[in-house]
Amino acid sequence: MGFRIGSYYIGSSEPQISIANEEIIPSPPSNWTSGYNFVYFTFNNDADCTVLINGKDEPLFVRSGQGFSIGAEHPPIYSFKIVEDSIPFTWAGIY
């Protein structure tokens, strides 16, 4: 298996509040031909919530303060949605 190395970081510049089922990963710059694929990704939540990752229909429960993260050995993250409204969170990714 190859090793993936990211080039740049992006993420929350301040704490955010979720809107139900809204994509938290921003659209890429207009001159890109594809979206972000994060080889490292971390999500931190301040309330219990469920999330949808990469378009899957099966939500994952994330306990308050537990968070969620992936590294280069995992499939990249290209979509991340919080199912519930009003969940305080931050995120960061390396692509």
N, C-alpha and C. Protein backbone atom coordinates (compact mmCIF):
# COMPACT_ATOMS: atom_id res chain seq x y z
N MET A 1 0.85 -1.18 0.00
CA MET A 1 0.00 0.00 0.00
C MET A 1 0.89 1.23 0.00
N GLY A 2 0.56 2.21 -0.84
CA GLY A 2 1.32 3.45 -0.91
C GLY A 2 1.00 4.38 0.24
N PHE A 3 1.84 5.35 0.43
CA PHE A 3 1.66 6.33 1.48
C PHE A 3 1.23 7.64 0.85
N ARG A 4 0.14 8.21 1.34
CA ARG A 4 -0.36 9.47 0.79
C ARG A 4 0.12 10.63 1.64
N ILE A 5 0.54 11.68 0.98
CA ILE A 5 0.99 12.88 1.68
C ILE A 5 0.12 14.04 1.21
N GLY A 6 -0.39 14.81 2.15
CA GLY A 6 -1.20 15.97 1.81
C GLY A 6 -0.32 17.17 1.51
N SER A 7 -0.95 18.17 0.92
CA SER A 7 -0.22 19.38 0.54
C SER A 7 -0.64 20.61 1.34
N TYR A 8 -1.94 20.72 1.65
CA TYR A 8 -2.45 21.93 2.29
C TYR A 8 -3.48 21.58 3.36
N TYR A 9 -3.63 22.50 4.32
CA TYR A 9 -4.61 22.38 5.39
C TYR A 9 -5.76 23.34 5.14
N ILE A 10 -6.97 22.92 5.45
CA ILE A 10 -8.10 23.84 5.56
C ILE A 10 -8.99 23.34 6.69
N GLY A 11 -9.89 24.20 7.15
CA GLY A 11 -10.80 23.81 8.20
C GLY A 11 -11.51 25.00 8.79
N SER A 12 -12.08 24.80 9.96
CA SER A 12 -12.83 25.84 10.65
C SER A 12 -11.90 26.96 11.10
N SER A 13 -12.30 28.19 10.83
CA SER A 13 -11.54 29.34 11.34
C SER A 13 -12.06 29.77 12.71
N GLU A 14 -13.23 29.23 13.08
CA GLU A 14 -13.84 29.47 14.38
C GLU A 14 -14.89 28.38 14.59
N PRO A 15 -15.39 28.20 15.82
CA PRO A 15 -16.43 27.19 16.03
C PRO A 15 -17.63 27.46 15.12
N GLN A 16 -18.23 26.39 14.63
CA GLN A 16 -19.38 26.47 13.75
C GLN A 16 -20.57 25.78 14.40
N ILE A 17 -21.76 26.07 13.89
CA ILE A 17 -23.00 25.43 14.34
C ILE A 17 -23.63 24.73 13.14
N SER A 18 -23.96 23.47 13.30
CA SER A 18 -24.46 22.69 12.16
C SER A 18 -25.86 23.11 11.73
N ILE A 19 -26.10 22.92 10.46
CA ILE A 19 -27.44 22.97 9.86
C ILE A 19 -27.68 21.54 9.38
N ALA A 20 -28.81 20.97 9.74
CA ALA A 20 -29.07 19.55 9.48
C ALA A 20 -28.78 19.16 8.03
N ASN A 21 -27.98 18.12 7.89
CA ASN A 21 -27.65 17.51 6.60
C ASN A 21 -26.93 18.43 5.62
N GLU A 22 -26.35 19.51 6.11
CA GLU A 22 -25.59 20.40 5.23
C GLU A 22 -24.14 19.93 5.15
N GLU A 23 -23.60 19.93 3.95
CA GLU A 23 -22.20 19.56 3.73
C GLU A 23 -21.30 20.54 4.48
N ILE A 24 -20.36 20.01 5.30
CA ILE A 24 -19.45 20.92 6.00
C ILE A 24 -18.16 21.15 5.21
N ILE A 25 -17.87 20.29 4.25
CA ILE A 25 -16.68 20.47 3.41
C ILE A 25 -17.03 21.47 2.31
N PRO A 26 -16.26 22.54 2.21
CA PRO A 26 -16.61 23.57 1.22
C PRO A 26 -16.39 23.11 -0.22
N SER A 27 -16.99 23.83 -1.12
CA SER A 27 -16.74 23.59 -2.54
C SER A 27 -15.30 23.99 -2.85
N PRO A 28 -14.67 23.30 -3.77
CA PRO A 28 -13.28 23.66 -4.12
C PRO A 28 -13.25 24.93 -4.96
N PRO A 29 -12.07 25.49 -5.17
CA PRO A 29 -11.95 26.65 -6.05
C PRO A 29 -12.54 26.36 -7.43
N SER A 30 -13.04 27.38 -8.09
CA SER A 30 -13.74 27.20 -9.37
C SER A 30 -12.87 26.64 -10.48
N ASN A 31 -11.56 26.77 -10.37
CA ASN A 31 -10.68 26.26 -11.43
C ASN A 31 -10.29 24.79 -11.22
N TRP A 32 -10.79 24.15 -10.16
CA TRP A 32 -10.52 22.73 -9.92
C TRP A 32 -11.48 21.88 -10.73
N THR A 33 -11.03 20.69 -11.11
CA THR A 33 -11.89 19.76 -11.85
C THR A 33 -12.55 18.74 -10.93
N SER A 34 -12.13 18.66 -9.68
CA SER A 34 -12.77 17.75 -8.72
C SER A 34 -12.76 18.41 -7.34
N GLY A 35 -13.48 17.80 -6.40
CA GLY A 35 -13.58 18.36 -5.05
C GLY A 35 -12.41 17.96 -4.17
N TYR A 36 -12.50 18.38 -2.92
CA TYR A 36 -11.48 18.02 -1.93
C TYR A 36 -11.54 16.52 -1.64
N ASN A 37 -10.39 15.91 -1.47
CA ASN A 37 -10.25 14.54 -0.98
C ASN A 37 -9.24 14.62 0.16
N PHE A 38 -9.73 14.55 1.39
CA PHE A 38 -8.86 14.71 2.55
C PHE A 38 -8.19 13.40 2.92
N VAL A 39 -6.87 13.41 2.94
CA VAL A 39 -6.12 12.22 3.36
C VAL A 39 -5.99 12.17 4.88
N TYR A 40 -6.13 13.32 5.52
CA TYR A 40 -6.25 13.42 6.98
C TYR A 40 -7.45 14.31 7.24
N PHE A 41 -8.27 13.92 8.21
CA PHE A 41 -9.48 14.69 8.50
C PHE A 41 -9.81 14.51 9.97
N THR A 42 -10.17 15.60 10.64
CA THR A 42 -10.61 15.51 12.02
C THR A 42 -11.84 16.38 12.23
N PHE A 43 -12.77 15.86 13.01
CA PHE A 43 -14.03 16.52 13.34
C PHE A 43 -14.16 16.50 14.85
N ASN A 44 -14.44 17.66 15.44
CA ASN A 44 -14.64 17.76 16.89
C ASN A 44 -16.02 18.32 17.16
N ASN A 45 -16.78 17.64 18.00
CA ASN A 45 -18.16 18.03 18.28
C ASN A 45 -18.37 18.27 19.77
N ASP A 46 -19.20 19.26 20.08
CA ASP A 46 -19.49 19.60 21.47
C ASP A 46 -20.86 19.12 21.93
N ALA A 47 -21.50 18.25 21.15
CA ALA A 47 -22.79 17.65 21.51
C ALA A 47 -22.90 16.32 20.77
N ASP A 48 -23.66 15.37 21.33
CA ASP A 48 -23.90 14.11 20.63
C ASP A 48 -24.49 14.40 19.26
N CYS A 49 -24.08 13.63 18.25
CA CYS A 49 -24.63 13.82 16.91
C CYS A 49 -24.42 12.56 16.09
N THR A 50 -25.05 12.55 14.93
CA THR A 50 -24.80 11.51 13.95
C THR A 50 -24.29 12.19 12.69
N VAL A 51 -23.41 11.50 11.98
CA VAL A 51 -22.80 12.07 10.78
C VAL A 51 -22.94 11.10 9.61
N LEU A 52 -22.95 11.67 8.42
CA LEU A 52 -22.95 10.90 7.18
C LEU A 52 -21.63 11.19 6.48
N ILE A 53 -20.91 10.15 6.11
CA ILE A 53 -19.59 10.30 5.52
C ILE A 53 -19.58 9.74 4.10
N ASN A 54 -19.07 10.54 3.18
CA ASN A 54 -18.89 10.13 1.78
C ASN A 54 -20.17 9.60 1.14
N GLY A 55 -21.29 10.23 1.48
CA GLY A 55 -22.55 9.89 0.83
C GLY A 55 -23.21 8.61 1.30
N LYS A 56 -22.68 7.98 2.32
CA LYS A 56 -23.29 6.74 2.83
C LYS A 56 -24.61 7.06 3.51
N ASP A 57 -25.56 6.14 3.43
CA ASP A 57 -26.87 6.32 4.03
C ASP A 57 -26.92 5.89 5.49
N GLU A 58 -25.88 5.23 5.98
CA GLU A 58 -25.87 4.77 7.36
C GLU A 58 -25.10 5.76 8.23
N PRO A 59 -25.82 6.48 9.10
CA PRO A 59 -25.13 7.46 9.94
C PRO A 59 -24.29 6.80 11.03
N LEU A 60 -23.24 7.50 11.42
CA LEU A 60 -22.40 7.08 12.54
C LEU A 60 -22.70 7.99 13.73
N PHE A 61 -22.87 7.40 14.90
CA PHE A 61 -23.08 8.19 16.11
C PHE A 61 -21.73 8.65 16.65
N VAL A 62 -21.63 9.93 16.99
CA VAL A 62 -20.41 10.49 17.57
C VAL A 62 -20.80 11.16 18.88
N ARG A 63 -20.32 10.60 19.98
CA ARG A 63 -20.62 11.14 21.31
C ARG A 63 -19.98 12.51 21.49
N SER A 64 -20.62 13.36 22.26
CA SER A 64 -20.10 14.69 22.55
C SER A 64 -18.65 14.62 23.01
N GLY A 65 -17.78 15.38 22.36
CA GLY A 65 -16.37 15.41 22.73
C GLY A 65 -15.54 14.26 22.19
N GLN A 66 -16.18 13.24 21.62
CA GLN A 66 -15.46 12.08 21.09
C GLN A 66 -14.70 12.45 19.82
N GLY A 67 -15.38 13.12 18.91
CA GLY A 67 -14.77 13.48 17.64
C GLY A 67 -14.60 12.28 16.72
N PHE A 68 -14.05 12.57 15.56
CA PHE A 68 -13.84 11.56 14.53
C PHE A 68 -12.64 11.99 13.71
N SER A 69 -11.76 11.05 13.39
CA SER A 69 -10.61 11.42 12.56
C SER A 69 -10.16 10.24 11.72
N ILE A 70 -9.50 10.56 10.61
CA ILE A 70 -8.91 9.54 9.74
C ILE A 70 -7.49 9.96 9.40
N GLY A 71 -6.70 8.98 9.01
CA GLY A 71 -5.33 9.24 8.58
C GLY A 71 -5.12 8.67 7.19
N ALA A 72 -3.89 8.72 6.75
CA ALA A 72 -3.54 8.33 5.38
C ALA A 72 -3.84 6.86 5.08
N GLU A 73 -3.96 6.03 6.11
CA GLU A 73 -4.23 4.61 5.88
C GLU A 73 -5.71 4.32 5.63
N HIS A 74 -6.56 5.34 5.75
CA HIS A 74 -8.01 5.19 5.56
C HIS A 74 -8.43 5.75 4.21
N PRO A 75 -9.62 5.37 3.74
CA PRO A 75 -10.12 6.00 2.51
C PRO A 75 -10.28 7.51 2.72
N PRO A 76 -10.01 8.31 1.71
CA PRO A 76 -10.14 9.76 1.88
C PRO A 76 -11.58 10.18 2.13
N ILE A 77 -11.72 11.33 2.78
CA ILE A 77 -13.04 11.92 3.05
C ILE A 77 -13.30 12.98 1.99
N TYR A 78 -14.44 12.89 1.32
CA TYR A 78 -14.82 13.92 0.36
C TYR A 78 -16.18 14.53 0.67
N SER A 79 -16.90 13.95 1.63
CA SER A 79 -18.19 14.49 2.04
C SER A 79 -18.40 14.19 3.51
N PHE A 80 -18.89 15.18 4.26
CA PHE A 80 -19.12 15.00 5.70
C PHE A 80 -20.30 15.87 6.09
N LYS A 81 -21.38 15.24 6.55
CA LYS A 81 -22.60 15.96 6.93
C LYS A 81 -22.99 15.58 8.35
N ILE A 82 -23.45 16.57 9.10
CA ILE A 82 -24.00 16.35 10.44
C ILE A 82 -25.51 16.27 10.26
N VAL A 83 -26.12 15.21 10.74
CA VAL A 83 -27.55 14.99 10.53
C VAL A 83 -28.40 16.01 11.28
N GLU A 84 -27.98 16.40 12.48
CA GLU A 84 -28.79 17.27 13.34
C GLU A 84 -28.44 18.75 13.18
N ASP A 85 -29.41 19.59 13.53
CA ASP A 85 -29.22 21.04 13.64
C ASP A 85 -28.53 21.39 14.96
N SER A 86 -27.88 22.51 14.97
CA SER A 86 -27.40 23.18 16.19
C SER A 86 -26.31 22.42 16.95
N ILE A 87 -25.49 21.66 16.25
CA ILE A 87 -24.37 20.96 16.89
C ILE A 87 -23.12 21.85 16.76
N PRO A 88 -22.52 22.28 17.88
CA PRO A 88 -21.27 23.04 17.78
C PRO A 88 -20.13 22.11 17.35
N PHE A 89 -19.32 22.57 16.39
CA PHE A 89 -18.25 21.71 15.89
C PHE A 89 -17.12 22.53 15.27
N THR A 90 -16.00 21.87 15.11
CA THR A 90 -14.88 22.37 14.30
C THR A 90 -14.37 21.20 13.47
N TRP A 91 -13.64 21.51 12.43
CA TRP A 91 -13.07 20.46 11.60
C TRP A 91 -11.78 20.97 10.96
N ALA A 92 -10.94 20.04 10.53
CA ALA A 92 -9.73 20.37 9.79
C ALA A 92 -9.40 19.20 8.88
N GLY A 93 -8.80 19.52 7.75
CA GLY A 93 -8.42 18.47 6.82
C GLY A 93 -7.14 18.81 6.09
N ILE A 94 -6.46 17.78 5.65
CA ILE A 94 -5.27 17.92 4.81
C ILE A 94 -5.59 17.23 3.49
N TYR A 95 -5.38 17.95 2.41
CA TYR A 95 -5.65 17.38 1.09
C TYR A 95 -4.40 17.43 0.23
